[in-house]
Amino acid sequence: MTWLRAFIARFTGLFRKARLEQELNEEVRAHLEMLVEENLRKGMSAEEARTAALRSFGATRHRETFCGHAHAPALFHLSVTGKVGAFSPVTATELPLTPMRRWLAVIGSVGQPRDGLPAAAYAILDEERDALTFMRVPYDVASAAAKVQAAGLPEVLALRLVRGR
């Protein structure tokens, strides 16, 4: 029965993941638009305002930025033309990080997931191949949930561990 629960969680997680990606993509675009508006109010031309906003999106000098503890794995990129895109990572599938883009990898978390998969999330960056592989590894979720309950924490936290959302 465990495989059926995992299958159902993954299947329903696909829809939830798409919604989360869309929300984050819209949020990134909204922040870029707000920065453009702010730069226009400062007297910049439209082109200067957009360039400055995009530069702030990539405030780091690094091509890859990693974010953990965000509960739902995702991969975003910014093209040289300023287009923001997203990939839905599939466990154990290598994703090439094309050199002309900047990357934001949201790795996920260990515990308290929001994507329907209770397994711990991590990623492997292969700098030689310029690729990123998202991974999941099972852990003793039942024991972790029992410890949450024993500590007197809210029941919803234990259920989230088990359900993956």
Protein backbone atom coordinates (compact mmCIF):
# COMPACT_ATOMS: atom_id res chain seq x y z
CA MET A 1 0.00 0.00 0.00
CA THR A 2 3.00 2.30 0.51
CA TRP A 3 3.75 2.38 -3.22
CA LEU A 4 0.14 3.40 -3.93
CA ARG A 5 0.34 6.25 -1.41
CA ALA A 6 3.65 7.39 -2.96
CA PHE A 7 2.15 7.23 -6.46
CA ILE A 8 -0.91 9.24 -5.45
CA ALA A 9 1.26 11.80 -3.67
CA ARG A 10 3.49 12.19 -6.73
CA PHE A 11 0.55 12.40 -9.10
CA THR A 12 -1.29 15.05 -7.09
CA GLY A 13 2.03 16.75 -6.40
CA LEU A 14 2.46 17.38 -10.12
CA PHE A 15 -0.53 19.72 -10.11
CA ARG A 16 0.49 21.38 -6.86
CA LYS A 17 4.05 21.84 -8.13
CA ALA A 18 2.82 23.50 -11.32
CA ARG A 19 0.72 25.91 -9.26
CA LEU A 20 3.66 26.71 -6.95
CA GLU A 21 5.94 27.29 -9.94
CA GLN A 22 3.39 29.58 -11.55
CA GLU A 23 2.97 31.55 -8.31
CA LEU A 24 6.73 31.95 -7.84
CA ASN A 25 7.22 32.87 -11.50
CA GLU A 26 4.48 35.52 -11.20
CA GLU A 27 6.04 36.79 -7.98
CA VAL A 28 9.49 37.17 -9.60
CA ARG A 29 7.94 39.00 -12.56
CA ALA A 30 5.93 41.25 -10.22
CA HIS A 31 9.08 42.18 -8.32
CA LEU A 32 10.88 42.94 -11.56
CA GLU A 33 7.98 45.12 -12.71
CA MET A 34 7.95 46.99 -9.38
CA LEU A 35 11.69 47.64 -9.69
CA VAL A 36 11.21 48.91 -13.24
CA GLU A 37 8.45 51.28 -12.05
CA GLU A 38 10.61 52.49 -9.18
CA ASN A 39 13.52 53.12 -11.56
CA LEU A 40 11.24 55.01 -13.96
CA ARG A 41 10.15 57.27 -11.06
CA LYS A 42 13.83 57.94 -10.41
CA GLY A 43 14.09 59.40 -13.90
CA MET A 44 15.62 56.47 -15.80
CA SER A 45 14.60 55.75 -19.36
CA ALA A 46 12.50 52.63 -19.93
CA GLU A 47 15.53 50.69 -21.16
CA GLU A 48 17.72 51.84 -18.26
CA ALA A 49 14.96 51.01 -15.76
CA ARG A 50 14.54 47.48 -17.09
CA THR A 51 18.29 46.86 -17.27
CA ALA A 52 18.76 48.06 -13.69
CA ALA A 53 15.87 45.87 -12.48
CA LEU A 54 17.26 42.81 -14.22
CA ARG A 55 20.70 43.54 -12.79
CA SER A 56 19.24 43.55 -9.29
CA PHE A 57 17.55 40.20 -10.00
CA GLY A 58 21.01 38.84 -10.61
CA ALA A 59 22.60 40.76 -7.74
CA THR A 60 24.97 37.92 -7.10
CA ARG A 61 28.01 37.61 -9.33
CA HIS A 62 27.44 33.88 -9.50
CA ARG A 63 25.59 32.20 -12.31
CA GLU A 64 23.97 29.71 -9.95
CA THR A 65 22.21 30.60 -6.70
CA PHE A 66 20.88 27.93 -4.37
CA CYS A 67 18.05 28.31 -1.89
CA GLY A 68 17.20 25.65 0.65
CA HIS A 69 14.53 25.24 3.28
CA ALA A 70 11.87 26.45 0.85
CA HIS A 71 9.81 23.23 1.00
CA ALA A 72 9.03 22.83 -2.74
CA PRO A 73 11.86 22.11 -5.22
CA ALA A 74 11.96 24.30 -8.33
CA LEU A 75 14.48 25.66 -10.83
CA PHE A 76 14.22 29.15 -12.32
CA HIS A 77 16.33 30.91 -14.90
CA LEU A 78 16.82 34.40 -16.26
CA SER A 79 17.83 34.66 -19.91
CA VAL A 80 20.07 37.37 -21.35
CA THR A 81 16.91 38.98 -22.78
CA GLY A 82 15.36 39.17 -19.32
CA LYS A 83 12.84 36.36 -19.76
CA VAL A 84 12.16 34.42 -16.56
CA GLY A 85 11.42 30.73 -16.92
CA ALA A 86 10.91 27.74 -14.69
CA PHE A 87 11.57 24.04 -14.75
CA SER A 88 9.81 21.44 -12.68
CA PRO A 89 12.58 19.17 -11.41
CA VAL A 90 12.09 15.43 -11.78
CA THR A 91 13.95 13.29 -9.26
CA ALA A 92 17.25 11.86 -10.54
CA THR A 93 16.96 13.66 -13.91
CA GLU A 94 19.94 15.77 -14.88
CA LEU A 95 19.10 19.33 -15.94
CA PRO A 96 21.69 21.15 -18.08
CA LEU A 97 22.47 24.67 -16.83
CA THR A 98 23.02 26.54 -20.07
CA PRO A 99 25.79 29.13 -19.73
CA MET A 100 23.85 32.09 -21.11
CA ARG A 101 21.33 31.98 -18.24
CA ARG A 102 21.40 32.77 -14.55
CA TRP A 103 19.91 30.08 -12.33
CA LEU A 104 18.00 30.04 -9.06
CA ALA A 105 17.69 26.51 -7.68
CA VAL A 106 15.18 26.02 -4.88
CA ILE A 107 16.38 22.72 -3.48
CA GLY A 108 13.50 21.88 -1.17
CA SER A 109 13.79 20.75 2.42
CA VAL A 110 14.22 17.90 4.84
CA GLY A 111 10.85 17.71 6.53
CA GLN A 112 7.75 19.89 6.33
CA PRO A 113 7.49 19.52 2.52
CA ARG A 114 4.82 21.27 0.48
CA ASP A 115 4.97 19.26 -2.74
CA GLY A 116 3.26 16.02 -1.74
CA LEU A 117 6.48 14.02 -1.38
CA PRO A 118 7.61 13.36 2.20
CA ALA A 119 11.16 12.30 1.24
CA ALA A 120 14.09 14.61 2.01
CA ALA A 121 15.19 16.79 -0.91
CA TYR A 122 18.70 17.67 -2.04
CA ALA A 123 20.51 18.40 -5.31
CA ILE A 124 23.85 17.60 -6.90
CA LEU A 125 25.67 20.24 -8.93
CA ASP A 126 28.07 18.78 -11.49
CA GLU A 127 30.32 21.71 -12.40
CA GLU A 128 32.20 19.76 -15.07
CA ARG A 129 29.00 18.87 -16.93
CA ASP A 130 27.26 22.14 -16.01
CA ALA A 131 24.24 20.22 -14.78
CA LEU A 132 22.03 20.00 -11.72
CA THR A 133 20.24 16.87 -10.52
CA PHE A 134 17.48 17.08 -7.93
CA MET A 135 17.29 14.06 -5.63
CA ARG A 136 14.95 12.65 -3.01
CA VAL A 137 15.84 10.22 -0.26
CA PRO A 138 13.37 8.52 2.08
CA TYR A 139 13.82 8.75 5.82
CA ASP A 140 11.93 7.46 8.84
CA VAL A 141 8.99 9.85 8.51
CA ALA A 142 6.84 7.95 11.03
CA SER A 143 9.53 8.27 13.71
CA ALA A 144 10.00 11.98 12.96
CA ALA A 145 6.24 12.56 13.15
CA ALA A 146 6.07 10.69 16.47
CA LYS A 147 8.84 12.92 17.87
CA VAL A 148 6.91 16.01 16.77
CA GLN A 149 3.85 14.75 18.60
CA ALA A 150 5.88 13.74 21.69
CA ALA A 151 7.32 17.25 21.84
CA GLY A 152 3.79 18.65 22.11
CA LEU A 153 4.00 20.50 18.79
CA PRO A 154 0.86 21.08 16.72
CA GLU A 155 -0.55 17.91 15.13
CA VAL A 156 -0.55 19.57 11.70
CA LEU A 157 3.27 19.53 11.70
CA ALA A 158 3.36 15.77 12.21
CA LEU A 159 0.70 15.23 9.52
CA ARG A 160 2.60 17.42 7.06
CA LEU A 161 5.66 15.20 7.47
CA VAL A 162 3.64 12.09 6.68
CA ARG A 163 1.54 13.58 3.87
CA GLY A 164 4.27 15.69 2.29
CA ARG A 165 2.06 18.80 2.27
